[in-house]
Amino acid sequence: MTEEAANQLMPQVSGWDLVNDGGTLKLHRSWKVKTFTKGLEFFQDVASVAEAEGHHPDLHLVGWNNVKIDIWTHSVGGLTENDFILAAKVNGLDVQHLLSKKLSKPAQNSG
């Protein structure tokens, strides 16, 4: 998938960023969770969707409460429609109870 085609699909995956990692296009998103164990619960929810889709993202737990996900299709070295489908399904997960309340407001409104 070209960067232009990916940009056309980006509005369908709110909250995700399109990144170019050394020439490889990826979808990236990060969240702050309440605790380390909430981060692991978050990953379990994502893993259930990934298994059902047969498409597995790169999951990162950075520090004790920073959850980051990169989605791309390794076999093609970039993005496919399946990546956007998985990102949309991750967006549909009920994970609010796992997330830090601090992220409910954009940084510029934090005063």
PDB file of N, CA and C in Angstrom:
ATOM      1  N   MET A   1       0.849  -1.186   0.000  1.00  0.00           N
ATOM      2  CA  MET A   1       0.000   0.000   0.000  1.00  0.00           C
ATOM      3  C   MET A   1       0.886   1.237   0.000  1.00  0.00           C
ATOM      4  N   THR A   2       0.513   2.196  -0.820  1.00  0.00           N
ATOM      5  CA  THR A   2       1.273   3.441  -0.875  1.00  0.00           C
ATOM      6  C   THR A   2       0.917   4.335   0.316  1.00  0.00           C
ATOM      7  N   GLU A   3       1.763   5.297   0.577  1.00  0.00           N
ATOM      8  CA  GLU A   3       1.490   6.249   1.658  1.00  0.00           C
ATOM      9  C   GLU A   3       0.220   7.040   1.354  1.00  0.00           C
ATOM     10  N   GLU A   4       0.005   7.367   0.084  1.00  0.00           N
ATOM     11  CA  GLU A   4      -1.205   8.095  -0.314  1.00  0.00           C
ATOM     12  C   GLU A   4      -2.460   7.272  -0.014  1.00  0.00           C
ATOM     13  N   ALA A   5      -2.434   5.987  -0.363  1.00  0.00           N
ATOM     14  CA  ALA A   5      -3.578   5.108  -0.090  1.00  0.00           C
ATOM     15  C   ALA A   5      -3.802   4.967   1.417  1.00  0.00           C
ATOM     16  N   ALA A   6      -2.715   4.862   2.167  1.00  0.00           N
ATOM     17  CA  ALA A   6      -2.823   4.749   3.628  1.00  0.00           C
ATOM     18  C   ALA A   6      -3.442   6.011   4.218  1.00  0.00           C
ATOM     19  N   ASN A   7      -3.018   7.158   3.734  1.00  0.00           N
ATOM     20  CA  ASN A   7      -3.565   8.423   4.235  1.00  0.00           C
ATOM     21  C   ASN A   7      -5.061   8.530   3.981  1.00  0.00           C
ATOM     22  N   GLN A   8      -5.537   7.951   2.898  1.00  0.00           N
ATOM     23  CA  GLN A   8      -6.970   7.979   2.610  1.00  0.00           C
ATOM     24  C   GLN A   8      -7.764   7.135   3.602  1.00  0.00           C
ATOM     25  N   LEU A   9      -7.142   6.101   4.166  1.00  0.00           N
ATOM     26  CA  LEU A   9      -7.818   5.231   5.132  1.00  0.00           C
ATOM     27  C   LEU A   9      -7.688   5.712   6.582  1.00  0.00           C
ATOM     28  N   MET A  10      -6.776   6.631   6.839  1.00  0.00           N
ATOM     29  CA  MET A  10      -6.513   7.085   8.211  1.00  0.00           C
ATOM     30  C   MET A  10      -7.751   7.603   8.947  1.00  0.00           C
ATOM     31  N   PRO A  11      -8.682   8.303   8.291  1.00  0.00           N
ATOM     32  CA  PRO A  11      -9.867   8.771   9.032  1.00  0.00           C
ATOM     33  C   PRO A  11     -10.701   7.627   9.622  1.00  0.00           C
ATOM     34  N   GLN A  12     -10.530   6.426   9.124  1.00  0.00           N
ATOM     35  CA  GLN A  12     -11.287   5.277   9.626  1.00  0.00           C
ATOM     36  C   GLN A  12     -10.691   4.692  10.901  1.00  0.00           C
ATOM     37  N   VAL A  13      -9.485   5.142  11.276  1.00  0.00           N
ATOM     38  CA  VAL A  13      -8.817   4.605  12.467  1.00  0.00           C
ATOM     39  C   VAL A  13      -8.384   5.763  13.379  1.00  0.00           C
ATOM     40  N   SER A  14      -9.381   6.404  13.938  1.00  0.00           N
ATOM     41  CA  SER A  14      -9.164   7.555  14.814  1.00  0.00           C
ATOM     42  C   SER A  14      -8.173   7.214  15.932  1.00  0.00           C
ATOM     43  N   GLY A  15      -7.253   8.145  16.166  1.00  0.00           N
ATOM     44  CA  GLY A  15      -6.296   7.978  17.247  1.00  0.00           C
ATOM     45  C   GLY A  15      -4.987   7.331  16.830  1.00  0.00           C
ATOM     46  N   TRP A  16      -4.974   6.714  15.661  1.00  0.00           N
ATOM     47  CA  TRP A  16      -3.763   6.066  15.171  1.00  0.00           C
ATOM     48  C   TRP A  16      -2.951   7.049  14.339  1.00  0.00           C
ATOM     49  N   ASP A  17      -1.637   6.852  14.343  1.00  0.00           N
ATOM     50  CA  ASP A  17      -0.736   7.662  13.527  1.00  0.00           C
ATOM     51  C   ASP A  17      -0.142   6.794  12.436  1.00  0.00           C
ATOM     52  N   LEU A  18       0.078   7.374  11.289  1.00  0.00           N
ATOM     53  CA  LEU A  18       0.786   6.710  10.206  1.00  0.00           C
ATOM     54  C   LEU A  18       2.255   7.082  10.349  1.00  0.00           C
ATOM     55  N   VAL A  19       3.112   6.084  10.505  1.00  0.00           N
ATOM     56  CA  VAL A  19       4.544   6.356  10.672  1.00  0.00           C
ATOM     57  C   VAL A  19       5.333   5.631   9.594  1.00  0.00           C
ATOM     58  N   ASN A  20       6.433   6.237   9.221  1.00  0.00           N
ATOM     59  CA  ASN A  20       7.360   5.634   8.270  1.00  0.00           C
ATOM     60  C   ASN A  20       8.600   5.267   9.074  1.00  0.00           C
ATOM     61  N   ASP A  21       8.770   3.983   9.315  1.00  0.00           N
ATOM     62  CA  ASP A  21       9.871   3.483  10.130  1.00  0.00           C
ATOM     63  C   ASP A  21      10.928   2.892   9.202  1.00  0.00           C
ATOM     64  N   GLY A  22      11.865   3.723   8.788  1.00  0.00           N
ATOM     65  CA  GLY A  22      12.925   3.265   7.903  1.00  0.00           C
ATOM     66  C   GLY A  22      12.426   2.760   6.562  1.00  0.00           C
ATOM     67  N   GLY A  23      11.377   3.386   6.048  1.00  0.00           N
ATOM     68  CA  GLY A  23      10.810   2.990   4.768  1.00  0.00           C
ATOM     69  C   GLY A  23       9.643   2.021   4.878  1.00  0.00           C
ATOM     70  N   THR A  24       9.323   1.585   6.102  1.00  0.00           N
ATOM     71  CA  THR A  24       8.196   0.684   6.328  1.00  0.00           C
ATOM     72  C   THR A  24       7.044   1.466   6.937  1.00  0.00           C
ATOM     73  N   LEU A  25       5.905   1.511   6.245  1.00  0.00           N
ATOM     74  CA  LEU A  25       4.735   2.200   6.781  1.00  0.00           C
ATOM     75  C   LEU A  25       4.078   1.332   7.840  1.00  0.00           C
ATOM     76  N   LYS A  26       3.733   1.965   8.968  1.00  0.00           N
ATOM     77  CA  LYS A  26       3.094   1.275  10.087  1.00  0.00           C
ATOM     78  C   LYS A  26       2.018   2.162  10.677  1.00  0.00           C
ATOM     79  N   LEU A  27       1.038   1.529  11.317  1.00  0.00           N
ATOM     80  CA  LEU A  27       0.070   2.243  12.141  1.00  0.00           C
ATOM     81  C   LEU A  27       0.583   2.177  13.572  1.00  0.00           C
ATOM     82  N   HIS A  28       0.538   3.311  14.265  1.00  0.00           N
ATOM     83  CA  HIS A  28       1.050   3.371  15.639  1.00  0.00           C
ATOM     84  C   HIS A  28       0.046   4.097  16.528  1.00  0.00           C
ATOM     85  N   ARG A  29      -0.121   3.566  17.711  1.00  0.00           N
ATOM     86  CA  ARG A  29      -0.958   4.236  18.695  1.00  0.00           C
ATOM     87  C   ARG A  29      -0.428   3.921  20.085  1.00  0.00           C
ATOM     88  N   SER A  30      -0.601   4.857  21.002  1.00  0.00           N
ATOM     89  CA  SER A  30      -0.179   4.620  22.378  1.00  0.00           C
ATOM     90  C   SER A  30      -1.266   5.069  23.347  1.00  0.00           C
ATOM     91  N   TRP A  31      -1.263   4.443  24.504  1.00  0.00           N
ATOM     92  CA  TRP A  31      -2.212   4.733  25.579  1.00  0.00           C
ATOM     93  C   TRP A  31      -1.452   4.735  26.887  1.00  0.00           C
ATOM     94  N   LYS A  32      -1.997   5.406  27.874  1.00  0.00           N
ATOM     95  CA  LYS A  32      -1.497   5.300  29.247  1.00  0.00           C
ATOM     96  C   LYS A  32      -2.527   4.507  30.031  1.00  0.00           C
ATOM     97  N   VAL A  33      -2.042   3.484  30.736  1.00  0.00           N
ATOM     98  CA  VAL A  33      -2.918   2.652  31.546  1.00  0.00           C
ATOM     99  C   VAL A  33      -2.720   2.989  33.018  1.00  0.00           C
ATOM    100  N   LYS A  34      -3.687   2.564  33.840  1.00  0.00           N
ATOM    101  CA  LYS A  34      -3.668   2.899  35.267  1.00  0.00           C
ATOM    102  C   LYS A  34      -2.502   2.242  36.006  1.00  0.00           C
ATOM    103  N   THR A  35      -2.236   0.987  35.681  1.00  0.00           N
ATOM    104  CA  THR A  35      -1.188   0.243  36.374  1.00  0.00           C
ATOM    105  C   THR A  35      -0.511  -0.709  35.397  1.00  0.00           C
ATOM    106  N   PHE A  36       0.588  -1.274  35.831  1.00  0.00           N
ATOM    107  CA  PHE A  36       1.302  -2.265  35.030  1.00  0.00           C
ATOM    108  C   PHE A  36       0.391  -3.445  34.687  1.00  0.00           C
ATOM    109  N   THR A  37      -0.346  -3.938  35.668  1.00  0.00           N
ATOM    110  CA  THR A  37      -1.219  -5.091  35.409  1.00  0.00           C
ATOM    111  C   THR A  37      -2.380  -4.722  34.495  1.00  0.00           C
ATOM    112  N   LYS A  38      -2.836  -3.468  34.535  1.00  0.00           N
ATOM    113  CA  LYS A  38      -3.875  -3.028  33.587  1.00  0.00           C
ATOM    114  C   LYS A  38      -3.322  -3.033  32.163  1.00  0.00           C
ATOM    115  N   GLY A  39      -2.036  -2.742  32.017  1.00  0.00           N
ATOM    116  CA  GLY A  39      -1.397  -2.817  30.708  1.00  0.00           C
ATOM    117  C   GLY A  39      -1.401  -4.240  30.174  1.00  0.00           C
ATOM    118  N   LEU A  40      -1.155  -5.189  31.044  1.00  0.00           N
ATOM    119  CA  LEU A  40      -1.184  -6.593  30.628  1.00  0.00           C
ATOM    120  C   LEU A  40      -2.604  -7.028  30.276  1.00  0.00           C
ATOM    121  N   GLU A  41      -3.586  -6.542  31.011  1.00  0.00           N
ATOM    122  CA  GLU A  41      -4.991  -6.827  30.672  1.00  0.00           C
ATOM    123  C   GLU A  41      -5.333  -6.235  29.301  1.00  0.00           C
ATOM    124  N   PHE A  42      -4.857  -5.031  29.056  1.00  0.00           N
ATOM    125  CA  PHE A  42      -5.068  -4.380  27.762  1.00  0.00           C
ATOM    126  C   PHE A  42      -4.515  -5.266  26.648  1.00  0.00           C
ATOM    127  N   PHE A  43      -3.283  -5.743  26.838  1.00  0.00           N
ATOM    128  CA  PHE A  43      -2.670  -6.604  25.826  1.00  0.00           C
ATOM    129  C   PHE A  43      -3.458  -7.898  25.634  1.00  0.00           C
ATOM    130  N   GLN A  44      -4.029  -8.436  26.701  1.00  0.00           N
ATOM    131  CA  GLN A  44      -4.813  -9.663  26.574  1.00  0.00           C
ATOM    132  C   GLN A  44      -6.050  -9.414  25.710  1.00  0.00           C
ATOM    133  N   ASP A  45      -6.684  -8.258  25.905  1.00  0.00           N
ATOM    134  CA  ASP A  45      -7.839  -7.899  25.071  1.00  0.00           C
ATOM    135  C   ASP A  45      -7.435  -7.774  23.597  1.00  0.00           C
ATOM    136  N   VAL A  46      -6.303  -7.114  23.355  1.00  0.00           N
ATOM    137  CA  VAL A  46      -5.808  -6.964  21.987  1.00  0.00           C
ATOM    138  C   VAL A  46      -5.434  -8.333  21.410  1.00  0.00           C
ATOM    139  N   ALA A  47      -4.818  -9.175  22.221  1.00  0.00           N
ATOM    140  CA  ALA A  47      -4.401 -10.502  21.765  1.00  0.00           C
ATOM    141  C   ALA A  47      -5.604 -11.338  21.327  1.00  0.00           C
ATOM    142  N   SER A  48      -6.714 -11.218  22.033  1.00  0.00           N
ATOM    143  CA  SER A  48      -7.913 -11.976  21.664  1.00  0.00           C
ATOM    144  C   SER A  48      -8.401 -11.576  20.278  1.00  0.00           C
ATOM    145  N   VAL A  49      -8.401 -10.271  20.006  1.00  0.00           N
ATOM    146  CA  VAL A  49      -8.812  -9.785  18.686  1.00  0.00           C
ATOM    147  C   VAL A  49      -7.795 -10.219  17.632  1.00  0.00           C
ATOM    148  N   ALA A  50      -6.517 -10.092  17.947  1.00  0.00           N
ATOM    149  CA  ALA A  50      -5.464 -10.445  16.993  1.00  0.00           C
ATOM    150  C   ALA A  50      -5.534 -11.929  16.617  1.00  0.00           C
ATOM    151  N   GLU A  51      -5.771 -12.777  17.606  1.00  0.00           N
ATOM    152  CA  GLU A  51      -5.888 -14.214  17.339  1.00  0.00           C
ATOM    153  C   GLU A  51      -7.079 -14.505  16.439  1.00  0.00           C
ATOM    154  N   ALA A  52      -8.199 -13.862  16.720  1.00  0.00           N
ATOM    155  CA  ALA A  52      -9.407 -14.072  15.921  1.00  0.00           C
ATOM    156  C   ALA A  52      -9.187 -13.626  14.473  1.00  0.00           C
ATOM    157  N   GLU A  53      -8.384 -12.565  14.299  1.00  0.00           N
ATOM    158  CA  GLU A  53      -8.107 -12.034  12.963  1.00  0.00           C
ATOM    159  C   GLU A  53      -6.961 -12.768  12.268  1.00  0.00           C
ATOM    160  N   GLY A  54      -6.172 -13.504  13.043  1.00  0.00           N
ATOM    161  CA  GLY A  54      -4.983 -14.131  12.472  1.00  0.00           C
ATOM    162  C   GLY A  54      -3.955 -13.106  12.040  1.00  0.00           C
ATOM    163  N   HIS A  55      -3.920 -11.986  12.751  1.00  0.00           N
ATOM    164  CA  HIS A  55      -3.042 -10.867  12.392  1.00  0.00           C
ATOM    165  C   HIS A  55      -2.512 -10.290  13.698  1.00  0.00           C
ATOM    166  N   HIS A  56      -1.203 -10.308  13.868  1.00  0.00           N
ATOM    167  CA  HIS A  56      -0.623 -10.021  15.175  1.00  0.00           C
ATOM    168  C   HIS A  56       0.224  -8.749  15.168  1.00  0.00           C
ATOM    169  N   PRO A  57      -0.188  -7.757  15.963  1.00  0.00           N
ATOM    170  CA  PRO A  57       0.556  -6.498  16.026  1.00  0.00           C
ATOM    171  C   PRO A  57       1.780  -6.622  16.929  1.00  0.00           C
ATOM    172  N   ASP A  58       2.642  -5.627  16.844  1.00  0.00           N
ATOM    173  CA  ASP A  58       3.770  -5.514  17.766  1.00  0.00           C
ATOM    174  C   ASP A  58       3.259  -4.768  18.996  1.00  0.00           C
ATOM    175  N   LEU A  59       3.380  -5.397  20.160  1.00  0.00           N
ATOM    176  CA  LEU A  59       2.898  -4.826  21.411  1.00  0.00           C
ATOM    177  C   LEU A  59       4.095  -4.420  22.265  1.00  0.00           C
ATOM    178  N   HIS A  60       4.010  -3.224  22.861  1.00  0.00           N
ATOM    179  CA  HIS A  60       5.103  -2.717  23.685  1.00  0.00           C
ATOM    180  C   HIS A  60       4.533  -2.155  24.989  1.00  0.00           C
ATOM    181  N   LEU A  61       5.067  -2.612  26.110  1.00  0.00           N
ATOM    182  CA  LEU A  61       4.748  -2.027  27.406  1.00  0.00           C
ATOM    183  C   LEU A  61       6.017  -1.327  27.859  1.00  0.00           C
ATOM    184  N   VAL A  62       5.993   0.003  27.794  1.00  0.00           N
ATOM    185  CA  VAL A  62       7.174   0.807  28.066  1.00  0.00           C
ATOM    186  C   VAL A  62       7.004   1.483  29.413  1.00  0.00           C
ATOM    187  N   GLY A  63       8.010   1.341  30.270  1.00  0.00           N
ATOM    188  CA  GLY A  63       7.847   1.827  31.627  1.00  0.00           C
ATOM    189  C   GLY A  63       6.797   0.964  32.298  1.00  0.00           C
ATOM    190  N   TRP A  64       6.079   1.506  33.219  1.00  0.00           N
ATOM    191  CA  TRP A  64       5.070   0.696  33.910  1.00  0.00           C
ATOM    192  C   TRP A  64       3.661   0.942  33.414  1.00  0.00           C
ATOM    193  N   ASN A  65       3.458   2.000  32.595  1.00  0.00           N
ATOM    194  CA  ASN A  65       2.080   2.314  32.206  1.00  0.00           C
ATOM    195  C   ASN A  65       1.904   2.859  30.795  1.00  0.00           C
ATOM    196  N   ASN A  66       2.883   2.697  29.948  1.00  0.00           N
ATOM    197  CA  ASN A  66       2.776   3.179  28.572  1.00  0.00           C
ATOM    198  C   ASN A  66       2.615   1.996  27.626  1.00  0.00           C
ATOM    199  N   VAL A  67       1.448   1.889  27.027  1.00  0.00           N
ATOM    200  CA  VAL A  67       1.130   0.806  26.111  1.00  0.00           C
ATOM    201  C   VAL A  67       1.223   1.354  24.688  1.00  0.00           C
ATOM    202  N   LYS A  68       1.980   0.672  23.849  1.00  0.00           N
ATOM    203  CA  LYS A  68       2.152   1.111  22.472  1.00  0.00           C
ATOM    204  C   LYS A  68       1.946  -0.070  21.539  1.00  0.00           C
ATOM    205  N   ILE A  69       1.285   0.195  20.428  1.00  0.00           N
ATOM    206  CA  ILE A  69       1.029  -0.843  19.442  1.00  0.00           C
ATOM    207  C   ILE A  69       1.450  -0.349  18.062  1.00  0.00           C
ATOM    208  N   ASP A  70       2.168  -1.209  17.358  1.00  0.00           N
ATOM    209  CA  ASP A  70       2.500  -0.980  15.948  1.00  0.00           C
ATOM    210  C   ASP A  70       1.838  -2.084  15.146  1.00  0.00           C
ATOM    211  N   ILE A  71       1.119  -1.686  14.103  1.00  0.00           N
ATOM    212  CA  ILE A  71       0.469  -2.658  13.225  1.00  0.00           C
ATOM    213  C   ILE A  71       1.006  -2.471  11.812  1.00  0.00           C
ATOM    214  N   TRP A  72       1.436  -3.576  11.233  1.00  0.00           N
ATOM    215  CA  TRP A  72       1.882  -3.615   9.850  1.00  0.00           C
ATOM    216  C   TRP A  72       1.951  -5.068   9.446  1.00  0.00           C
ATOM    217  N   THR A  73       1.971  -5.307   8.158  1.00  0.00           N
ATOM    218  CA  THR A  73       2.006  -6.676   7.654  1.00  0.00           C
ATOM    219  C   THR A  73       3.448  -7.028   7.323  1.00  0.00           C
ATOM    220  N   HIS A  74       4.024  -7.861   8.169  1.00  0.00           N
ATOM    221  CA  HIS A  74       5.430  -8.216   8.041  1.00  0.00           C
ATOM    222  C   HIS A  74       5.740  -8.861   6.684  1.00  0.00           C
ATOM    223  N   SER A  75       4.830  -9.702   6.200  1.00  0.00           N
ATOM    224  CA  SER A  75       5.087 -10.445   4.960  1.00  0.00           C
ATOM    225  C   SER A  75       5.196  -9.549   3.731  1.00  0.00           C
ATOM    226  N   VAL A  76       4.582  -8.366   3.773  1.00  0.00           N
ATOM    227  CA  VAL A  76       4.702  -7.435   2.635  1.00  0.00           C
ATOM    228  C   VAL A  76       5.595  -6.241   2.960  1.00  0.00           C
ATOM    229  N   GLY A  77       6.058  -6.168   4.219  1.00  0.00           N
ATOM    230  CA  GLY A  77       6.940  -5.072   4.611  1.00  0.00           C
ATOM    231  C   GLY A  77       6.265  -3.728   4.612  1.00  0.00           C
ATOM    232  N   GLY A  78       4.982  -3.702   4.959  1.00  0.00           N
ATOM    233  CA  GLY A  78       4.246  -2.439   5.005  1.00  0.00           C
ATOM    234  C   GLY A  78       2.792  -2.673   5.354  1.00  0.00           C
ATOM    235  N   LEU A  79       1.947  -1.765   4.922  1.00  0.00           N
ATOM    236  CA  LEU A  79       0.538  -1.800   5.297  1.00  0.00           C
ATOM    237  C   LEU A  79      -0.349  -2.470   4.251  1.00  0.00           C
ATOM    238  N   THR A  80      -1.409  -3.111   4.758  1.00  0.00           N
ATOM    239  CA  THR A  80      -2.469  -3.663   3.923  1.00  0.00           C
ATOM    240  C   THR A  80      -3.796  -3.263   4.556  1.00  0.00           C
ATOM    241  N   GLU A  81      -4.887  -3.548   3.877  1.00  0.00           N
ATOM    242  CA  GLU A  81      -6.206  -3.251   4.445  1.00  0.00           C
ATOM    243  C   GLU A  81      -6.417  -3.980   5.764  1.00  0.00           C
ATOM    244  N   ASN A  82      -5.859  -5.177   5.901  1.00  0.00           N
ATOM    245  CA  ASN A  82      -6.006  -5.942   7.148  1.00  0.00           C
ATOM    246  C   ASN A  82      -5.475  -5.177   8.353  1.00  0.00           C
ATOM    247  N   ASP A  83      -4.450  -4.360   8.149  1.00  0.00           N
ATOM    248  CA  ASP A  83      -3.898  -3.562   9.247  1.00  0.00           C
ATOM    249  C   ASP A  83      -4.915  -2.537   9.736  1.00  0.00           C
ATOM    250  N   PHE A  84      -5.613  -1.931   8.797  1.00  0.00           N
ATOM    251  CA  PHE A  84      -6.627  -0.938   9.163  1.00  0.00           C
ATOM    252  C   PHE A  84      -7.833  -1.608   9.822  1.00  0.00           C
ATOM    253  N   ILE A  85      -8.167  -2.807   9.374  1.00  0.00           N
ATOM    254  CA  ILE A  85      -9.265  -3.559   9.997  1.00  0.00           C
ATOM    255  C   ILE A  85      -8.914  -3.884  11.441  1.00  0.00           C
ATOM    256  N   LEU A  86      -7.682  -4.357  11.680  1.00  0.00           N
ATOM    257  CA  LEU A  86      -7.263  -4.678  13.044  1.00  0.00           C
ATOM    258  C   LEU A  86      -7.242  -3.424  13.921  1.00  0.00           C
ATOM    259  N   ALA A  87      -6.729  -2.309  13.388  1.00  0.00           N
ATOM    260  CA  ALA A  87      -6.699  -1.052  14.160  1.00  0.00           C
ATOM    261  C   ALA A  87      -8.115  -0.625  14.538  1.00  0.00           C
ATOM    262  N   ALA A  88      -9.053  -0.748  13.610  1.00  0.00           N
ATOM    263  CA  ALA A  88     -10.447  -0.383  13.900  1.00  0.00           C
ATOM    264  C   ALA A  88     -11.028  -1.300  14.982  1.00  0.00           C
ATOM    265  N   LYS A  89     -10.679  -2.566  14.939  1.00  0.00           N
ATOM    266  CA  LYS A  89     -11.179  -3.499  15.957  1.00  0.00           C
ATOM    267  C   LYS A  89     -10.557  -3.216  17.318  1.00  0.00           C
ATOM    268  N   VAL A  90      -9.295  -2.834  17.343  1.00  0.00           N
ATOM    269  CA  VAL A  90      -8.664  -2.428  18.605  1.00  0.00           C
ATOM    270  C   VAL A  90      -9.380  -1.187  19.145  1.00  0.00           C
ATOM    271  N   ASN A  91      -9.693  -0.246  18.263  1.00  0.00           N
ATOM    272  CA  ASN A  91     -10.431   0.947  18.684  1.00  0.00           C
ATOM    273  C   ASN A  91     -11.787   0.581  19.287  1.00  0.00           C
ATOM    274  N   GLY A  92     -12.376  -0.507  18.841  1.00  0.00           N
ATOM    275  CA  GLY A  92     -13.688  -0.924  19.317  1.00  0.00           C
ATOM    276  C   GLY A  92     -13.678  -1.666  20.642  1.00  0.00           C
ATOM    277  N   LEU A  93     -12.498  -1.966  21.156  1.00  0.00           N
ATOM    278  CA  LEU A  93     -12.421  -2.676  22.437  1.00  0.00           C
ATOM    279  C   LEU A  93     -12.880  -1.784  23.588  1.00  0.00           C
ATOM    280  N   ASP A  94     -13.516  -2.379  24.565  1.00  0.00           N
ATOM    281  CA  ASP A  94     -13.939  -1.655  25.768  1.00  0.00           C
ATOM    282  C   ASP A  94     -12.794  -1.683  26.773  1.00  0.00           C
ATOM    283  N   VAL A  95     -11.918  -0.678  26.691  1.00  0.00           N
ATOM    284  CA  VAL A  95     -10.732  -0.651  27.545  1.00  0.00           C
ATOM    285  C   VAL A  95     -10.663   0.587  28.433  1.00  0.00           C
ATOM    286  N   GLN A  96     -11.713   1.394  28.428  1.00  0.00           N
ATOM    287  CA  GLN A  96     -11.689   2.638  29.212  1.00  0.00           C
ATOM    288  C   GLN A  96     -11.363   2.393  30.680  1.00  0.00           C
ATOM    289  N   HIS A  97     -11.836   1.288  31.239  1.00  0.00           N
ATOM    290  CA  HIS A  97     -11.600   0.990  32.653  1.00  0.00           C
ATOM    291  C   HIS A  97     -10.126   0.671  32.938  1.00  0.00           C
ATOM    292  N   LEU A  98      -9.346   0.446  31.899  1.00  0.00           N
ATOM    293  CA  LEU A  98      -7.920   0.154  32.062  1.00  0.00           C
ATOM    294  C   LEU A  98      -7.043   1.391  31.906  1.00  0.00           C
ATOM    295  N   LEU A  99      -7.599   2.431  31.304  1.00  0.00           N
ATOM    296  CA  LEU A  99      -6.811   3.603  30.934  1.00  0.00           C
ATOM    297  C   LEU A  99      -6.738   4.640  32.043  1.00  0.00           C
ATOM    298  N   SER A 100      -5.624   5.348  32.064  1.00  0.00           N
ATOM    299  CA  SER A 100      -5.436   6.457  32.982  1.00  0.00           C
ATOM    300  C   SER A 100      -6.404   7.566  32.608  1.00  0.00           C
ATOM    301  N   LYS A 101      -7.032   8.170  33.586  1.00  0.00           N
ATOM    302  CA  LYS A 101      -7.993   9.255  33.331  1.00  0.00           C
ATOM    303  C   LYS A 101      -7.298  10.488  32.758  1.00  0.00           C
ATOM    304  N   LYS A 102      -6.000  10.601  32.949  1.00  0.00           N
ATOM    305  CA  LYS A 102      -5.257  11.774  32.498  1.00  0.00           C
ATOM    306  C   LYS A 102      -5.322  11.962  30.993  1.00  0.00           C
ATOM    307  N   LEU A 103      -5.593  10.901  30.241  1.00  0.00           N
ATOM    308  CA  LEU A 103      -5.618  11.016  28.790  1.00  0.00           C
ATOM    309  C   LEU A 103      -6.958  11.460  28.248  1.00  0.00           C
ATOM    310  N   SER A 104      -7.926  11.690  29.123  1.00  0.00           N
ATOM    311  CA  SER A 104      -9.255  12.045  28.634  1.00  0.00           C
ATOM    312  C   SER A 104      -9.286  13.451  28.033  1.00  0.00           C
ATOM    313  N   LYS A 105      -8.287  14.274  28.321  1.00  0.00           N
ATOM    314  CA  LYS A 105      -8.228  15.619  27.766  1.00  0.00           C
ATOM    315  C   LYS A 105      -6.967  15.752  26.912  1.00  0.00           C
ATOM    316  N   PRO A 106      -7.061  16.444  25.788  1.00  0.00           N
ATOM    317  CA  PRO A 106      -5.853  16.698  24.985  1.00  0.00           C
ATOM    318  C   PRO A 106      -4.850  17.499  25.791  1.00  0.00           C
ATOM    319  N   ALA A 107      -3.571  17.298  25.542  1.00  0.00           N
ATOM    320  CA  ALA A 107      -2.511  17.948  26.305  1.00  0.00           C
ATOM    321  C   ALA A 107      -2.634  19.461  26.321  1.00  0.00           C
ATOM    322  N   GLN A 108      -3.066  20.062  25.212  1.00  0.00           N
ATOM    323  CA  GLN A 108      -3.126  21.523  25.145  1.00  0.00           C
ATOM    324  C   GLN A 108      -4.211  22.096  26.063  1.00  0.00           C
ATOM    325  N   ASN A 109      -5.154  21.277  26.503  1.00  0.00           N
ATOM    326  CA  ASN A 109      -6.216  21.770  27.392  1.00  0.00           C
ATOM    327  C   ASN A 109      -5.932  21.509  28.861  1.00  0.00           C
ATOM    328  N   SER A 110      -4.739  20.991  29.183  1.00  0.00           N
ATOM    329  CA  SER A 110      -4.466  20.606  30.562  1.00  0.00           C
ATOM    330  C   SER A 110      -4.155  21.784  31.474  1.00  0.00           C
ATOM    331  N   GLY A 111      -4.029  22.962  30.894  1.00  0.00           N
ATOM    332  CA  GLY A 111      -3.939  24.167  31.666  1.00  0.00           C
ATOM    333  C   GLY A 111      -2.613  24.459  32.204  1.00  0.00           C
TER     334      GLY A 111
END
